[in-house]
Every structure is written in structure tokens, then in C-alpha cells.
């Protein structure tokens, strides 16, 4: 909770990040295939759980492949998210280290953050693809009639997701490390791993808690209020989670490296 609390306090103090939050919300409105969620929920309401691998895979993969329009929108959304993370990290870096809080201050590190952010996004996308395949296989296997056998599958999926997040927490400081030190990506990866080992559980909570709350909220809205409510709540929840996680990675790095935070100074 430590880094999440620091992140929430920081976001409240820097309202210039509100446009980035708005962009994130719009992006997550299009990259999740909510019709797949509707199919799963409808099957549950009809007294069974769908055993379609495609439905489960579409539910778990953060990419809307419903039509060529949603495919193009999803690709555009990811490009915007990479630009967004580059802007956010540049803004936070200049504010935390130098006390500068303006749009002009971000340009000096924006390009390198975009390149590094793009590479990290590809790594995350590959990890999400592997995880989605595993989760879809598990849920298809346990989507059986009977005394809620699918709950076993859901528990296994939760454990697998937690494992993926725990592994990812070891590299949570990758982008801020590369940004501040100027190391090559491979060097920054090793350095961030060494730094994160001491705070891996704190990092895990910073990633897992916003995502878990988002999944619960969106599931409840979708189950009781329908697809439109799921889309709106999903866009807001996952957009906010994105912002929390991105900024929390910098808060964690600043804490581990004992960076003197100029944004906290009272002038």
C-alpha cells in the first residue's frame, strides 16, 4: 500500500496529469472486448458456463478483435498509451527531481521514454498473451456442469495472474531506471531487478490491488447493470489503474534510490 498511497497523494498534487488520465480512460474503453464478458455472464445466467476457448481468450486478452474497426482502434489506443506513459514519466521525473511542473519540461526525456516505453509495452503484451492463453485453457477445462466446478478454474486463474504480477513486480522499476540512469535497456533491466528484490512485495501490491479492484467493480457492474455499465466502469477503473501503476513505478524508484523529492519542498 505504501507506493499506492504515495501515488494517490502525488496525483492529487499534480493536476496537469488529468489529460493523461482522460486519454487512458478513452483507450481502455476500446481495447477490452466487453462482448466476450457479456457472453460469459449470459451463459452463467442461463445456468451453465461457456466452454468456448475463444470466448475466454477474448475476455482475458486486452485487445478488441470484434471487427476491423475495433482492431484499428485497439492498435491506436496502444500507441496512445505508449505516448501517454512517456509523457507521464517525463512529467513526474522533472517534477520530482527538479520541482518543475510544466508541459515544456517534459520534452528533454520524452523521446527516450517513448522508445523505452514502446519496448516495455511489447514485453508486457507478450506476457499478457501467454497469460491469456493459459487462463483460457484453464477456464475451458473447468467449464463443466455440476456443483460450480468452474470456481476451481477461477481460483487457479487468480493464482496464475498473481504469479505473473509477482514476476512482473521484479521489473517494476525498469522504465524509471532506464530513464534516470541512461543505461541501455538490458542494463536497466538487470539494475531494476536488483533494486526491486528488496521491495518486490510492495511492488506486487501496487500492481495487483488496482487491477483486482477494477476486475471486481467491472464484473459487478456488468453482471447487474449490463454491457454499457461494464464499458463505462471498465474504462474508468482500468484507466485509473493504468495511471496509478505508471506513477507508482516512479514513486517506488524514487524511494529505493532515496531521491530527494523536490515536489515535496515548501518554497
C-alpha atoms as a PDB file:
ATOM      1  CA  UNK A   1       0.000   0.000   0.000  1.00  0.00           C
ATOM      2  CA  UNK A   2       2.970   2.314   0.599  1.00  0.00           C
ATOM      3  CA  UNK A   3       3.553   3.263  -3.035  1.00  0.00           C
ATOM      4  CA  UNK A   4      -0.144   3.440  -3.851  1.00  0.00           C
ATOM      5  CA  UNK A   5      -0.686   5.946  -1.039  1.00  0.00           C
ATOM      6  CA  UNK A   6       2.296   7.992  -2.222  1.00  0.00           C
ATOM      7  CA  UNK A   7       0.962   7.848  -5.777  1.00  0.00           C
ATOM      8  CA  UNK A   8      -2.532   8.999  -4.832  1.00  0.00           C
ATOM      9  CA  UNK A   9      -1.062  11.906  -2.865  1.00  0.00           C
ATOM     10  CA  UNK A  10       1.144  12.827  -5.797  1.00  0.00           C
ATOM     11  CA  UNK A  11      -1.672  12.686  -8.352  1.00  0.00           C
ATOM     12  CA  UNK A  12      -3.747  14.997  -6.149  1.00  0.00           C
ATOM     13  CA  UNK A  13      -0.866  17.497  -6.179  1.00  0.00           C
ATOM     14  CA  UNK A  14      -0.278  17.449  -9.942  1.00  0.00           C
ATOM     15  CA  UNK A  15      -3.493  18.153 -11.804  1.00  0.00           C
ATOM     16  CA  UNK A  16      -1.529  18.560 -15.050  1.00  0.00           C
ATOM     17  CA  UNK A  17      -1.764  14.775 -15.338  1.00  0.00           C
ATOM     18  CA  UNK A  18      -5.558  14.892 -15.683  1.00  0.00           C
ATOM     19  CA  UNK A  19      -5.375  14.968 -19.519  1.00  0.00           C
ATOM     20  CA  UNK A  20      -3.252  11.813 -19.371  1.00  0.00           C
ATOM     21  CA  UNK A  21      -5.872  10.160 -17.190  1.00  0.00           C
ATOM     22  CA  UNK A  22      -8.605  11.158 -19.656  1.00  0.00           C
ATOM     23  CA  UNK A  23      -6.601   9.641 -22.528  1.00  0.00           C
ATOM     24  CA  UNK A  24      -6.078   6.417 -20.569  1.00  0.00           C
ATOM     25  CA  UNK A  25      -9.805   6.157 -19.840  1.00  0.00           C
ATOM     26  CA  UNK A  26     -10.662   6.594 -23.538  1.00  0.00           C
ATOM     27  CA  UNK A  27      -8.067   3.985 -24.546  1.00  0.00           C
ATOM     28  CA  UNK A  28      -9.380   1.347 -22.159  1.00  0.00           C
ATOM     29  CA  UNK A  29     -12.892   1.954 -23.431  1.00  0.00           C
ATOM     30  CA  UNK A  30     -11.892   0.378 -26.756  1.00  0.00           C
ATOM     31  CA  UNK A  31      -9.192  -2.232 -26.057  1.00  0.00           C
ATOM     32  CA  UNK A  32     -11.298  -4.566 -23.883  1.00  0.00           C
ATOM     33  CA  UNK A  33     -13.757  -6.873 -25.646  1.00  0.00           C
ATOM     34  CA  UNK A  34     -16.773  -6.401 -23.409  1.00  0.00           C
ATOM     35  CA  UNK A  35     -18.958  -8.569 -25.639  1.00  0.00           C
ATOM     36  CA  UNK A  36     -16.869 -11.571 -24.579  1.00  0.00           C
ATOM     37  CA  UNK A  37     -17.576 -10.690 -20.952  1.00  0.00           C
ATOM     38  CA  UNK A  38     -21.266 -10.404 -21.811  1.00  0.00           C
ATOM     39  CA  UNK A  39     -21.200 -13.890 -23.354  1.00  0.00           C
ATOM     40  CA  UNK A  40     -19.633 -15.370 -20.221  1.00  0.00           C
ATOM     41  CA  UNK A  41     -22.089 -13.554 -17.941  1.00  0.00           C
ATOM     42  CA  UNK A  42     -25.092 -14.571 -20.077  1.00  0.00           C
ATOM     43  CA  UNK A  43     -24.022 -18.204 -20.017  1.00  0.00           C
ATOM     44  CA  UNK A  44     -23.755 -18.060 -16.229  1.00  0.00           C
ATOM     45  CA  UNK A  45     -27.224 -16.513 -16.037  1.00  0.00           C
ATOM     46  CA  UNK A  46     -28.551 -19.361 -18.177  1.00  0.00           C
ATOM     47  CA  UNK A  47     -27.264 -21.916 -15.702  1.00  0.00           C
ATOM     48  CA  UNK A  48     -24.013 -23.003 -17.341  1.00  0.00           C
ATOM     49  CA  UNK A  49     -20.508 -21.725 -18.058  1.00  0.00           C
ATOM     50  CA  UNK A  50     -19.359 -21.379 -21.648  1.00  0.00           C
ATOM     51  CA  UNK A  51     -16.611 -23.813 -22.635  1.00  0.00           C
ATOM     52  CA  UNK A  52     -15.587 -21.762 -25.678  1.00  0.00           C
ATOM     53  CA  UNK A  53     -11.835 -21.221 -25.696  1.00  0.00           C
ATOM     54  CA  UNK A  54     -12.353 -18.207 -27.990  1.00  0.00           C
ATOM     55  CA  UNK A  55     -14.760 -16.502 -25.562  1.00  0.00           C
ATOM     56  CA  UNK A  56     -12.409 -16.953 -22.613  1.00  0.00           C
ATOM     57  CA  UNK A  57      -9.360 -15.879 -24.615  1.00  0.00           C
ATOM     58  CA  UNK A  58     -11.107 -12.724 -25.838  1.00  0.00           C
ATOM     59  CA  UNK A  59     -12.129 -11.992 -22.254  1.00  0.00           C
ATOM     60  CA  UNK A  60      -8.588 -12.267 -20.897  1.00  0.00           C
ATOM     61  CA  UNK A  61      -6.621 -10.621 -23.711  1.00  0.00           C
ATOM     62  CA  UNK A  62      -6.690  -6.801 -23.593  1.00  0.00           C
ATOM     63  CA  UNK A  63      -7.339  -6.372 -27.315  1.00  0.00           C
ATOM     64  CA  UNK A  64     -10.698  -5.938 -29.008  1.00  0.00           C
ATOM     65  CA  UNK A  65     -10.756  -8.041 -32.174  1.00  0.00           C
ATOM     66  CA  UNK A  66     -14.523  -7.937 -32.689  1.00  0.00           C
ATOM     67  CA  UNK A  67     -14.209  -6.194 -36.076  1.00  0.00           C
ATOM     68  CA  UNK A  68     -11.610  -4.466 -38.214  1.00  0.00           C
ATOM     69  CA  UNK A  69     -12.735  -1.137 -36.733  1.00  0.00           C
ATOM     70  CA  UNK A  70     -12.131  -2.309 -33.154  1.00  0.00           C
ATOM     71  CA  UNK A  71      -8.787  -3.802 -34.228  1.00  0.00           C
ATOM     72  CA  UNK A  72      -7.640  -0.445 -35.627  1.00  0.00           C
ATOM     73  CA  UNK A  73      -8.968   1.379 -32.570  1.00  0.00           C
ATOM     74  CA  UNK A  74      -7.143  -1.036 -30.257  1.00  0.00           C
ATOM     75  CA  UNK A  75      -3.857  -0.524 -32.104  1.00  0.00           C
ATOM     76  CA  UNK A  76      -4.325   3.258 -31.982  1.00  0.00           C
ATOM     77  CA  UNK A  77      -5.171   3.024 -28.271  1.00  0.00           C
ATOM     78  CA  UNK A  78      -1.924   1.200 -27.512  1.00  0.00           C
ATOM     79  CA  UNK A  79       0.090   3.767 -29.442  1.00  0.00           C
ATOM     80  CA  UNK A  80      -1.593   6.485 -27.384  1.00  0.00           C
ATOM     81  CA  UNK A  81      -0.869   4.585 -24.165  1.00  0.00           C
ATOM     82  CA  UNK A  82       2.842   4.396 -25.032  1.00  0.00           C
ATOM     83  CA  UNK A  83       2.887   8.136 -25.796  1.00  0.00           C
ATOM     84  CA  UNK A  84       0.981   8.666 -22.585  1.00  0.00           C
ATOM     85  CA  UNK A  85       3.378   6.706 -20.391  1.00  0.00           C
ATOM     86  CA  UNK A  86       6.300   8.601 -21.943  1.00  0.00           C
ATOM     87  CA  UNK A  87       4.629  11.910 -21.141  1.00  0.00           C
ATOM     88  CA  UNK A  88       3.631  10.891 -17.609  1.00  0.00           C
ATOM     89  CA  UNK A  89       7.088   9.623 -16.683  1.00  0.00           C
ATOM     90  CA  UNK A  90       8.759  12.690 -18.173  1.00  0.00           C
ATOM     91  CA  UNK A  91       6.409  14.982 -16.280  1.00  0.00           C
ATOM     92  CA  UNK A  92       6.782  13.124 -12.974  1.00  0.00           C
ATOM     93  CA  UNK A  93      10.567  12.903 -13.340  1.00  0.00           C
ATOM     94  CA  UNK A  94      11.017  16.636 -13.862  1.00  0.00           C
ATOM     95  CA  UNK A  95       8.602  17.461 -11.069  1.00  0.00           C
ATOM     96  CA  UNK A  96      10.050  15.036  -8.506  1.00  0.00           C
ATOM     97  CA  UNK A  97      13.751  15.673  -9.190  1.00  0.00           C
ATOM     98  CA  UNK A  98      13.751  19.338 -10.138  1.00  0.00           C
ATOM     99  CA  UNK A  99      10.441  20.741  -8.911  1.00  0.00           C
ATOM    100  CA  UNK A 100       9.473  21.754 -12.452  1.00  0.00           C
ATOM    101  CA  UNK A 101       5.797  21.237 -13.207  1.00  0.00           C
ATOM    102  CA  UNK A 102       5.092  22.339 -16.755  1.00  0.00           C
ATOM    103  CA  UNK A 103       4.409  20.789 -20.131  1.00  0.00           C
ATOM    104  CA  UNK A 104       7.599  22.274 -21.593  1.00  0.00           C
ATOM    105  CA  UNK A 105       9.802  20.492 -19.077  1.00  0.00           C
ATOM    106  CA  UNK A 106       8.912  17.023 -20.362  1.00  0.00           C
ATOM    107  CA  UNK A 107      10.411  17.281 -23.839  1.00  0.00           C
ATOM    108  CA  UNK A 108      14.034  16.632 -22.833  1.00  0.00           C
ATOM    109  CA  UNK A 109      13.302  12.999 -21.865  1.00  0.00           C
ATOM    110  CA  UNK A 110      10.125  12.351 -23.854  1.00  0.00           C
ATOM    111  CA  UNK A 111      11.813  10.676 -26.846  1.00  0.00           C
ATOM    112  CA  UNK A 112      13.845   8.184 -24.832  1.00  0.00           C
ATOM    113  CA  UNK A 113      10.828   7.420 -22.653  1.00  0.00           C
ATOM    114  CA  UNK A 114       8.768   6.724 -25.757  1.00  0.00           C
ATOM    115  CA  UNK A 115      11.365   4.290 -27.142  1.00  0.00           C
ATOM    116  CA  UNK A 116      11.807   2.517 -23.827  1.00  0.00           C
ATOM    117  CA  UNK A 117       8.072   2.592 -23.168  1.00  0.00           C
ATOM    118  CA  UNK A 118       7.400   1.006 -26.561  1.00  0.00           C
ATOM    119  CA  UNK A 119       9.852  -1.822 -25.869  1.00  0.00           C
ATOM    120  CA  UNK A 120       8.398  -2.425 -22.410  1.00  0.00           C
ATOM    121  CA  UNK A 121       4.872  -2.386 -23.851  1.00  0.00           C
ATOM    122  CA  UNK A 122       5.869  -5.152 -26.295  1.00  0.00           C
ATOM    123  CA  UNK A 123       7.234  -7.226 -23.415  1.00  0.00           C
ATOM    124  CA  UNK A 124       4.048  -6.675 -21.397  1.00  0.00           C
ATOM    125  CA  UNK A 125       1.911  -7.537 -24.443  1.00  0.00           C
ATOM    126  CA  UNK A 126       3.802 -10.815 -24.919  1.00  0.00           C
ATOM    127  CA  UNK A 127       3.351 -11.658 -21.215  1.00  0.00           C
ATOM    128  CA  UNK A 128      -0.364 -10.831 -21.408  1.00  0.00           C
ATOM    129  CA  UNK A 129      -0.727 -13.073 -24.469  1.00  0.00           C
ATOM    130  CA  UNK A 130       0.871 -16.014 -22.681  1.00  0.00           C
ATOM    131  CA  UNK A 131      -1.225 -15.402 -19.571  1.00  0.00           C
ATOM    132  CA  UNK A 132      -4.452 -15.106 -21.595  1.00  0.00           C
ATOM    133  CA  UNK A 133      -3.717 -18.429 -23.338  1.00  0.00           C
ATOM    134  CA  UNK A 134      -3.110 -20.164 -20.006  1.00  0.00           C
ATOM    135  CA  UNK A 135      -6.197 -18.694 -18.355  1.00  0.00           C
ATOM    136  CA  UNK A 136      -8.398 -19.560 -21.342  1.00  0.00           C
ATOM    137  CA  UNK A 137      -7.170 -23.175 -21.278  1.00  0.00           C
ATOM    138  CA  UNK A 138      -7.863 -23.407 -17.542  1.00  0.00           C
ATOM    139  CA  UNK A 139     -11.381 -21.977 -17.787  1.00  0.00           C
ATOM    140  CA  UNK A 140     -12.278 -24.125 -20.803  1.00  0.00           C
ATOM    141  CA  UNK A 141     -11.095 -27.181 -18.878  1.00  0.00           C
ATOM    142  CA  UNK A 142     -13.142 -26.352 -15.766  1.00  0.00           C
ATOM    143  CA  UNK A 143     -16.254 -25.035 -17.544  1.00  0.00           C
ATOM    144  CA  UNK A 144     -18.272 -28.095 -16.605  1.00  0.00           C
ATOM    145  CA  UNK A 145     -21.808 -28.603 -15.381  1.00  0.00           C
ATOM    146  CA  UNK A 146     -22.227 -29.516 -11.763  1.00  0.00           C
ATOM    147  CA  UNK A 147     -21.525 -28.014  -8.392  1.00  0.00           C
ATOM    148  CA  UNK A 148     -19.703 -24.915  -9.581  1.00  0.00           C
ATOM    149  CA  UNK A 149     -16.639 -26.784 -10.819  1.00  0.00           C
ATOM    150  CA  UNK A 150     -15.666 -23.617 -12.702  1.00  0.00           C
ATOM    151  CA  UNK A 151     -14.849 -21.955  -9.361  1.00  0.00           C
ATOM    152  CA  UNK A 152     -11.784 -24.201  -9.170  1.00  0.00           C
ATOM    153  CA  UNK A 153     -10.731 -22.849 -12.554  1.00  0.00           C
ATOM    154  CA  UNK A 154     -11.334 -19.279 -11.402  1.00  0.00           C
ATOM    155  CA  UNK A 155      -9.152 -19.861  -8.331  1.00  0.00           C
ATOM    156  CA  UNK A 156      -6.387 -21.337 -10.494  1.00  0.00           C
ATOM    157  CA  UNK A 157      -6.648 -18.333 -12.824  1.00  0.00           C
ATOM    158  CA  UNK A 158      -6.360 -15.956  -9.865  1.00  0.00           C
ATOM    159  CA  UNK A 159      -3.243 -17.782  -8.653  1.00  0.00           C
ATOM    160  CA  UNK A 160      -1.687 -17.698 -12.135  1.00  0.00           C
ATOM    161  CA  UNK A 161      -2.452 -13.984 -12.515  1.00  0.00           C
ATOM    162  CA  UNK A 162      -0.931 -13.296  -9.087  1.00  0.00           C
ATOM    163  CA  UNK A 163       2.185 -15.247 -10.109  1.00  0.00           C
ATOM    164  CA  UNK A 164       2.551 -13.227 -13.318  1.00  0.00           C
ATOM    165  CA  UNK A 165       2.158  -9.986 -11.369  1.00  0.00           C
ATOM    166  CA  UNK A 166       4.698 -11.117  -8.760  1.00  0.00           C
ATOM    167  CA  UNK A 167       7.219 -11.851 -11.513  1.00  0.00           C
ATOM    168  CA  UNK A 168       6.462  -8.501 -13.155  1.00  0.00           C
ATOM    169  CA  UNK A 169       6.987  -6.732  -9.816  1.00  0.00           C
ATOM    170  CA  UNK A 170      10.680  -7.662 -10.037  1.00  0.00           C
ATOM    171  CA  UNK A 171      10.964  -5.434 -13.123  1.00  0.00           C
ATOM    172  CA  UNK A 172       8.594  -2.692 -11.970  1.00  0.00           C
ATOM    173  CA  UNK A 173      11.432  -0.142 -11.867  1.00  0.00           C
ATOM    174  CA  UNK A 174      12.642  -0.859 -15.397  1.00  0.00           C
ATOM    175  CA  UNK A 175      11.398   2.298 -17.113  1.00  0.00           C
ATOM    176  CA  UNK A 176      12.356   4.857 -14.411  1.00  0.00           C
ATOM    177  CA  UNK A 177      15.748   3.166 -14.051  1.00  0.00           C
ATOM    178  CA  UNK A 178      16.437   3.428 -17.790  1.00  0.00           C
ATOM    179  CA  UNK A 179      15.100   6.983 -17.859  1.00  0.00           C
ATOM    180  CA  UNK A 180      17.164   8.372 -14.976  1.00  0.00           C
ATOM    181  CA  UNK A 181      20.405   6.406 -15.288  1.00  0.00           C
ATOM    182  CA  UNK A 182      20.649   6.431 -19.089  1.00  0.00           C
ATOM    183  CA  UNK A 183      21.535   2.726 -19.078  1.00  0.00           C
ATOM    184  CA  UNK A 184      20.822   0.553 -22.082  1.00  0.00           C
ATOM    185  CA  UNK A 185      17.596  -1.412 -21.827  1.00  0.00           C
ATOM    186  CA  UNK A 186      19.355  -4.662 -20.920  1.00  0.00           C
ATOM    187  CA  UNK A 187      21.486  -2.930 -18.291  1.00  0.00           C
ATOM    188  CA  UNK A 188      18.465  -1.115 -16.866  1.00  0.00           C
ATOM    189  CA  UNK A 189      16.559  -4.423 -16.772  1.00  0.00           C
ATOM    190  CA  UNK A 190      19.243  -6.091 -14.654  1.00  0.00           C
ATOM    191  CA  UNK A 191      19.642  -2.994 -12.465  1.00  0.00           C
ATOM    192  CA  UNK A 192      15.882  -2.696 -11.884  1.00  0.00           C
ATOM    193  CA  UNK A 193      15.702  -6.382 -10.966  1.00  0.00           C
ATOM    194  CA  UNK A 194      18.453  -5.952  -8.377  1.00  0.00           C
ATOM    195  CA  UNK A 195      16.750  -2.860  -6.946  1.00  0.00           C
ATOM    196  CA  UNK A 196      13.249  -4.343  -6.880  1.00  0.00           C
ATOM    197  CA  UNK A 197      14.154  -7.509  -4.978  1.00  0.00           C
ATOM    198  CA  UNK A 198      14.017  -5.577  -1.700  1.00  0.00           C
ATOM    199  CA  UNK A 199      10.540  -4.152  -2.420  1.00  0.00           C
ATOM    200  CA  UNK A 200       9.031  -6.877  -4.589  1.00  0.00           C
ATOM    201  CA  UNK A 201       6.043  -7.448  -2.297  1.00  0.00           C
ATOM    202  CA  UNK A 202       5.303  -3.730  -2.083  1.00  0.00           C
ATOM    203  CA  UNK A 203       5.564  -3.544  -5.869  1.00  0.00           C
ATOM    204  CA  UNK A 204       3.246  -6.541  -6.207  1.00  0.00           C
ATOM    205  CA  UNK A 205       0.577  -4.812  -4.140  1.00  0.00           C
ATOM    206  CA  UNK A 206       0.995  -1.588  -6.160  1.00  0.00           C
ATOM    207  CA  UNK A 207       0.232  -3.529  -9.353  1.00  0.00           C
ATOM    208  CA  UNK A 208      -2.245  -6.134  -8.137  1.00  0.00           C
ATOM    209  CA  UNK A 209      -4.552  -4.096  -5.912  1.00  0.00           C
ATOM    210  CA  UNK A 210      -5.759  -1.564  -8.528  1.00  0.00           C
ATOM    211  CA  UNK A 211      -6.222  -4.325 -11.118  1.00  0.00           C
ATOM    212  CA  UNK A 212      -8.067  -6.625  -8.696  1.00  0.00           C
ATOM    213  CA  UNK A 213     -10.415  -3.844  -7.586  1.00  0.00           C
ATOM    214  CA  UNK A 214     -11.052  -2.932 -11.231  1.00  0.00           C
ATOM    215  CA  UNK A 215     -11.925  -6.525 -12.145  1.00  0.00           C
ATOM    216  CA  UNK A 216     -14.315  -6.837  -9.192  1.00  0.00           C
ATOM    217  CA  UNK A 217     -16.043  -3.497  -9.876  1.00  0.00           C
ATOM    218  CA  UNK A 218     -16.407  -4.095 -13.620  1.00  0.00           C
ATOM    219  CA  UNK A 219     -17.673  -7.646 -13.048  1.00  0.00           C
ATOM    220  CA  UNK A 220     -20.346  -6.431 -10.626  1.00  0.00           C
ATOM    221  CA  UNK A 221     -21.422  -3.585 -12.913  1.00  0.00           C
ATOM    222  CA  UNK A 222     -21.542  -5.910 -15.907  1.00  0.00           C
ATOM    223  CA  UNK A 223     -23.474  -8.627 -14.066  1.00  0.00           C
ATOM    224  CA  UNK A 224     -26.124  -6.351 -12.580  1.00  0.00           C
ATOM    225  CA  UNK A 225     -26.299  -3.341 -14.916  1.00  0.00           C
ATOM    226  CA  UNK A 226     -25.343  -4.700 -18.330  1.00  0.00           C
ATOM    227  CA  UNK A 227     -22.722  -4.167 -21.030  1.00  0.00           C
ATOM    228  CA  UNK A 228     -22.904  -0.365 -21.207  1.00  0.00           C
ATOM    229  CA  UNK A 229     -22.250  -0.078 -17.481  1.00  0.00           C
ATOM    230  CA  UNK A 230     -19.362  -2.554 -17.822  1.00  0.00           C
ATOM    231  CA  UNK A 231     -17.792  -0.498 -20.632  1.00  0.00           C
ATOM    232  CA  UNK A 232     -18.052   2.774 -18.715  1.00  0.00           C
ATOM    233  CA  UNK A 233     -16.875   1.345 -15.398  1.00  0.00           C
ATOM    234  CA  UNK A 234     -14.135  -0.633 -17.151  1.00  0.00           C
ATOM    235  CA  UNK A 235     -12.807   2.423 -18.961  1.00  0.00           C
ATOM    236  CA  UNK A 236     -12.743   4.460 -15.747  1.00  0.00           C
ATOM    237  CA  UNK A 237     -11.381   1.719 -13.479  1.00  0.00           C
ATOM    238  CA  UNK A 238      -8.688   0.399 -15.810  1.00  0.00           C
ATOM    239  CA  UNK A 239      -7.745   3.924 -16.894  1.00  0.00           C
ATOM    240  CA  UNK A 240      -7.260   4.915 -13.246  1.00  0.00           C
ATOM    241  CA  UNK A 241      -5.348   1.686 -12.573  1.00  0.00           C
ATOM    242  CA  UNK A 242      -3.058   2.443 -15.501  1.00  0.00           C
ATOM    243  CA  UNK A 243      -2.253   5.878 -14.096  1.00  0.00           C
ATOM    244  CA  UNK A 244      -1.726   4.539 -10.581  1.00  0.00           C
ATOM    245  CA  UNK A 245       0.637   1.800 -11.754  1.00  0.00           C
ATOM    246  CA  UNK A 246       2.645   4.041 -14.093  1.00  0.00           C
ATOM    247  CA  UNK A 247       3.187   6.749 -11.472  1.00  0.00           C
ATOM    248  CA  UNK A 248       3.718   4.180  -8.688  1.00  0.00           C
ATOM    249  CA  UNK A 249       6.693   2.754 -10.595  1.00  0.00           C
ATOM    250  CA  UNK A 250       8.395   6.142 -10.341  1.00  0.00           C
ATOM    251  CA  UNK A 251       7.424   6.547  -6.672  1.00  0.00           C
ATOM    252  CA  UNK A 252       8.953   3.131  -5.975  1.00  0.00           C
ATOM    253  CA  UNK A 253      12.169   4.003  -7.813  1.00  0.00           C
ATOM    254  CA  UNK A 254      12.481   7.334  -6.008  1.00  0.00           C
ATOM    255  CA  UNK A 255      12.056   5.530  -2.694  1.00  0.00           C
ATOM    256  CA  UNK A 256      14.572   2.772  -3.456  1.00  0.00           C
ATOM    257  CA  UNK A 257      17.157   5.239  -4.754  1.00  0.00           C
ATOM    258  CA  UNK A 258      16.491   7.745  -1.963  1.00  0.00           C
ATOM    259  CA  UNK A 259      15.904  10.525  -4.468  1.00  0.00           C
ATOM    260  CA  UNK A 260      15.331  13.828  -2.734  1.00  0.00           C
ATOM    261  CA  UNK A 261      11.856  14.826  -3.863  1.00  0.00           C
ATOM    262  CA  UNK A 262      11.759  18.464  -4.879  1.00  0.00           C
ATOM    263  CA  UNK A 263       7.997  18.238  -5.408  1.00  0.00           C
ATOM    264  CA  UNK A 264       7.553  17.942  -1.637  1.00  0.00           C
ATOM    265  CA  UNK A 265       9.536  21.072  -0.800  1.00  0.00           C
ATOM    266  CA  UNK A 266       7.664  24.086   0.513  1.00  0.00           C
ATOM    267  CA  UNK A 267       9.025  27.221  -1.063  1.00  0.00           C
END
